[in-house]
């Protein structure tokens, strides 16, 4: 690991890639947070309940037999 860190320290302008990566991560995090918060409550409730409702159990049980 020491070789990699030494090699990266010697490259000129490598810091910009760290900054760009951090900005991309932060931007995606903020966008996903805002989109989640803007969803209507009834849609979020529907998504939450759809996970609990198992509609495919009949298909799975007939295909296993």
N, C-alpha and C. Protein backbone atom coordinates (compact mmCIF):
# COMPACT_ATOMS: atom_id res chain seq x y z
N UNK A 1 0.82 -1.19 0.00
CA UNK A 1 0.00 0.00 0.00
C UNK A 1 0.87 1.25 0.00
N UNK A 2 2.05 1.13 0.56
CA UNK A 2 2.96 2.27 0.62
C UNK A 2 3.39 2.70 -0.78
N UNK A 3 3.59 1.72 -1.69
CA UNK A 3 3.99 2.04 -3.06
C UNK A 3 2.91 2.86 -3.76
N UNK A 4 1.65 2.45 -3.56
CA UNK A 4 0.54 3.16 -4.21
C UNK A 4 0.44 4.58 -3.70
N UNK A 5 0.52 4.76 -2.38
CA UNK A 5 0.41 6.11 -1.83
C UNK A 5 1.58 6.99 -2.27
N UNK A 6 2.78 6.41 -2.32
CA UNK A 6 3.94 7.19 -2.80
C UNK A 6 3.78 7.57 -4.26
N UNK A 7 3.28 6.65 -5.07
CA UNK A 7 3.11 6.92 -6.48
C UNK A 7 2.06 8.02 -6.69
N UNK A 8 0.96 7.96 -5.93
CA UNK A 8 -0.09 8.97 -6.09
C UNK A 8 0.37 10.34 -5.59
N UNK A 9 1.22 10.37 -4.59
CA UNK A 9 1.74 11.66 -4.10
C UNK A 9 2.64 12.33 -5.13
N UNK A 10 3.29 11.55 -5.97
CA UNK A 10 4.23 12.12 -6.94
C UNK A 10 3.55 12.61 -8.21
N UNK A 11 2.29 12.27 -8.44
CA UNK A 11 1.60 12.70 -9.66
C UNK A 11 1.08 14.12 -9.46
N UNK A 12 1.41 14.98 -10.40
CA UNK A 12 0.96 16.37 -10.33
C UNK A 12 -0.53 16.46 -10.66
N UNK A 13 -1.27 17.22 -9.88
CA UNK A 13 -2.67 17.47 -10.16
C UNK A 13 -3.61 16.34 -9.81
N UNK A 14 -3.15 15.35 -9.04
CA UNK A 14 -4.00 14.21 -8.69
C UNK A 14 -5.09 14.63 -7.71
N UNK A 15 -4.89 15.70 -6.99
CA UNK A 15 -5.86 16.14 -5.99
C UNK A 15 -7.21 16.49 -6.62
N UNK A 16 -7.21 16.92 -7.86
CA UNK A 16 -8.46 17.30 -8.52
C UNK A 16 -9.39 16.11 -8.65
N UNK A 17 -8.84 14.91 -8.81
CA UNK A 17 -9.68 13.72 -8.92
C UNK A 17 -10.35 13.39 -7.60
N UNK A 18 -9.65 13.63 -6.50
CA UNK A 18 -10.26 13.43 -5.19
C UNK A 18 -11.41 14.41 -4.98
N UNK A 19 -11.19 15.66 -5.38
CA UNK A 19 -12.21 16.69 -5.21
C UNK A 19 -13.41 16.39 -6.10
N UNK A 20 -13.17 15.99 -7.35
CA UNK A 20 -14.27 15.66 -8.27
C UNK A 20 -15.06 14.47 -7.75
N UNK A 21 -14.39 13.45 -7.27
CA UNK A 21 -15.08 12.28 -6.73
C UNK A 21 -15.94 12.63 -5.53
N UNK A 22 -15.41 13.47 -4.65
CA UNK A 22 -16.17 13.90 -3.48
C UNK A 22 -17.38 14.73 -3.89
N UNK A 23 -17.21 15.60 -4.86
CA UNK A 23 -18.34 16.42 -5.33
C UNK A 23 -19.42 15.57 -5.98
N UNK A 24 -19.01 14.58 -6.77
CA UNK A 24 -20.00 13.69 -7.39
C UNK A 24 -20.77 12.92 -6.32
N UNK A 25 -20.08 12.37 -5.33
CA UNK A 25 -20.74 11.65 -4.26
C UNK A 25 -21.70 12.55 -3.49
N UNK A 26 -21.24 13.73 -3.11
CA UNK A 26 -22.07 14.65 -2.35
C UNK A 26 -23.29 15.09 -3.15
N UNK A 27 -23.10 15.38 -4.44
CA UNK A 27 -24.21 15.80 -5.29
C UNK A 27 -25.26 14.69 -5.42
N UNK A 28 -24.83 13.46 -5.66
CA UNK A 28 -25.77 12.35 -5.76
C UNK A 28 -26.51 12.12 -4.45
N UNK A 29 -25.80 12.24 -3.33
CA UNK A 29 -26.43 12.08 -2.02
C UNK A 29 -27.51 13.14 -1.81
N UNK A 30 -27.22 14.38 -2.13
CA UNK A 30 -28.19 15.47 -1.95
C UNK A 30 -29.37 15.28 -2.88
N UNK A 31 -29.14 14.91 -4.13
CA UNK A 31 -30.23 14.70 -5.08
C UNK A 31 -31.15 13.58 -4.62
N UNK A 32 -30.58 12.46 -4.18
CA UNK A 32 -31.41 11.35 -3.71
C UNK A 32 -32.19 11.73 -2.45
N UNK A 33 -31.57 12.49 -1.56
CA UNK A 33 -32.25 12.93 -0.34
C UNK A 33 -33.43 13.84 -0.68
N UNK A 34 -33.22 14.80 -1.58
CA UNK A 34 -34.28 15.74 -1.96
C UNK A 34 -35.41 15.01 -2.66
N UNK A 35 -35.08 14.09 -3.57
CA UNK A 35 -36.12 13.33 -4.27
C UNK A 35 -36.94 12.48 -3.31
N UNK A 36 -36.29 11.91 -2.30
CA UNK A 36 -37.00 11.09 -1.33
C UNK A 36 -37.91 11.95 -0.47
N UNK A 37 -37.45 13.11 -0.07
CA UNK A 37 -38.25 13.98 0.78
C UNK A 37 -39.43 14.60 0.03
N UNK A 38 -39.32 14.75 -1.29
CA UNK A 38 -40.39 15.37 -2.07
C UNK A 38 -41.48 14.38 -2.46
N UNK A 39 -41.25 13.09 -2.28
CA UNK A 39 -42.28 12.10 -2.61
C UNK A 39 -43.47 12.28 -1.68
N UNK A 40 -44.67 12.16 -2.21
CA UNK A 40 -45.85 12.27 -1.35
C UNK A 40 -45.90 11.13 -0.34
N UNK A 41 -46.51 11.43 0.81
CA UNK A 41 -46.58 10.43 1.87
C UNK A 41 -47.38 9.20 1.47
N UNK A 42 -48.44 9.39 0.70
CA UNK A 42 -49.24 8.22 0.30
C UNK A 42 -48.46 7.30 -0.63
N UNK A 43 -47.59 7.86 -1.47
CA UNK A 43 -46.75 7.02 -2.34
C UNK A 43 -45.72 6.26 -1.52
N UNK A 44 -45.15 6.90 -0.52
CA UNK A 44 -44.18 6.22 0.35
C UNK A 44 -44.86 5.11 1.15
N UNK A 45 -46.08 5.35 1.59
CA UNK A 45 -46.83 4.33 2.32
C UNK A 45 -47.14 3.15 1.40
N UNK A 46 -47.48 3.44 0.16
CA UNK A 46 -47.76 2.38 -0.81
C UNK A 46 -46.52 1.53 -1.07
N UNK A 47 -45.37 2.17 -1.19
CA UNK A 47 -44.12 1.43 -1.40
C UNK A 47 -43.81 0.58 -0.17
N UNK A 48 -44.00 1.15 1.01
CA UNK A 48 -43.72 0.41 2.24
C UNK A 48 -44.63 -0.81 2.35
N UNK A 49 -45.91 -0.66 2.03
CA UNK A 49 -46.84 -1.77 2.15
C UNK A 49 -46.66 -2.81 1.05
N UNK A 50 -46.16 -2.39 -0.10
CA UNK A 50 -45.97 -3.35 -1.19
C UNK A 50 -44.89 -4.37 -0.86
N UNK A 51 -43.96 -4.00 -0.01
CA UNK A 51 -42.92 -4.94 0.40
C UNK A 51 -43.52 -6.03 1.27
N UNK A 52 -44.51 -5.68 2.08
CA UNK A 52 -45.10 -6.63 3.01
C UNK A 52 -46.11 -7.56 2.36
N UNK A 53 -46.73 -7.11 1.26
CA UNK A 53 -47.74 -7.92 0.57
C UNK A 53 -47.04 -8.88 -0.37
N UNK A 54 -47.30 -10.17 -0.20
CA UNK A 54 -46.65 -11.19 -1.01
C UNK A 54 -47.66 -11.70 -2.03
N UNK A 55 -47.57 -11.18 -3.26
CA UNK A 55 -48.50 -11.60 -4.30
C UNK A 55 -47.93 -12.72 -5.16
N UNK A 56 -46.64 -12.96 -5.08
CA UNK A 56 -46.00 -13.97 -5.91
C UNK A 56 -45.91 -15.33 -5.24
N UNK A 57 -46.46 -15.48 -4.05
CA UNK A 57 -46.31 -16.74 -3.33
C UNK A 57 -47.05 -17.87 -4.04
N UNK A 58 -48.19 -17.60 -4.69
CA UNK A 58 -48.92 -18.62 -5.42
C UNK A 58 -48.14 -19.11 -6.62
N UNK A 59 -47.50 -18.18 -7.32
CA UNK A 59 -46.70 -18.56 -8.48
C UNK A 59 -45.51 -19.42 -8.09
N UNK A 60 -44.88 -19.07 -6.96
CA UNK A 60 -43.72 -19.82 -6.53
C UNK A 60 -44.09 -21.22 -6.06
N UNK A 61 -45.22 -21.33 -5.37
CA UNK A 61 -45.60 -22.65 -4.84
C UNK A 61 -46.02 -23.59 -5.96
N UNK A 62 -46.65 -23.09 -7.03
CA UNK A 62 -47.05 -23.97 -8.12
C UNK A 62 -45.86 -24.36 -8.99
N UNK A 63 -44.86 -23.47 -9.09
CA UNK A 63 -43.71 -23.80 -9.93
C UNK A 63 -42.78 -24.80 -9.22
N UNK A 64 -42.82 -24.87 -7.90
CA UNK A 64 -41.96 -25.76 -7.17
C UNK A 64 -42.49 -27.21 -7.20
N UNK A 65 -43.77 -27.38 -7.41
CA UNK A 65 -44.38 -28.71 -7.35
C UNK A 65 -44.12 -29.48 -8.59
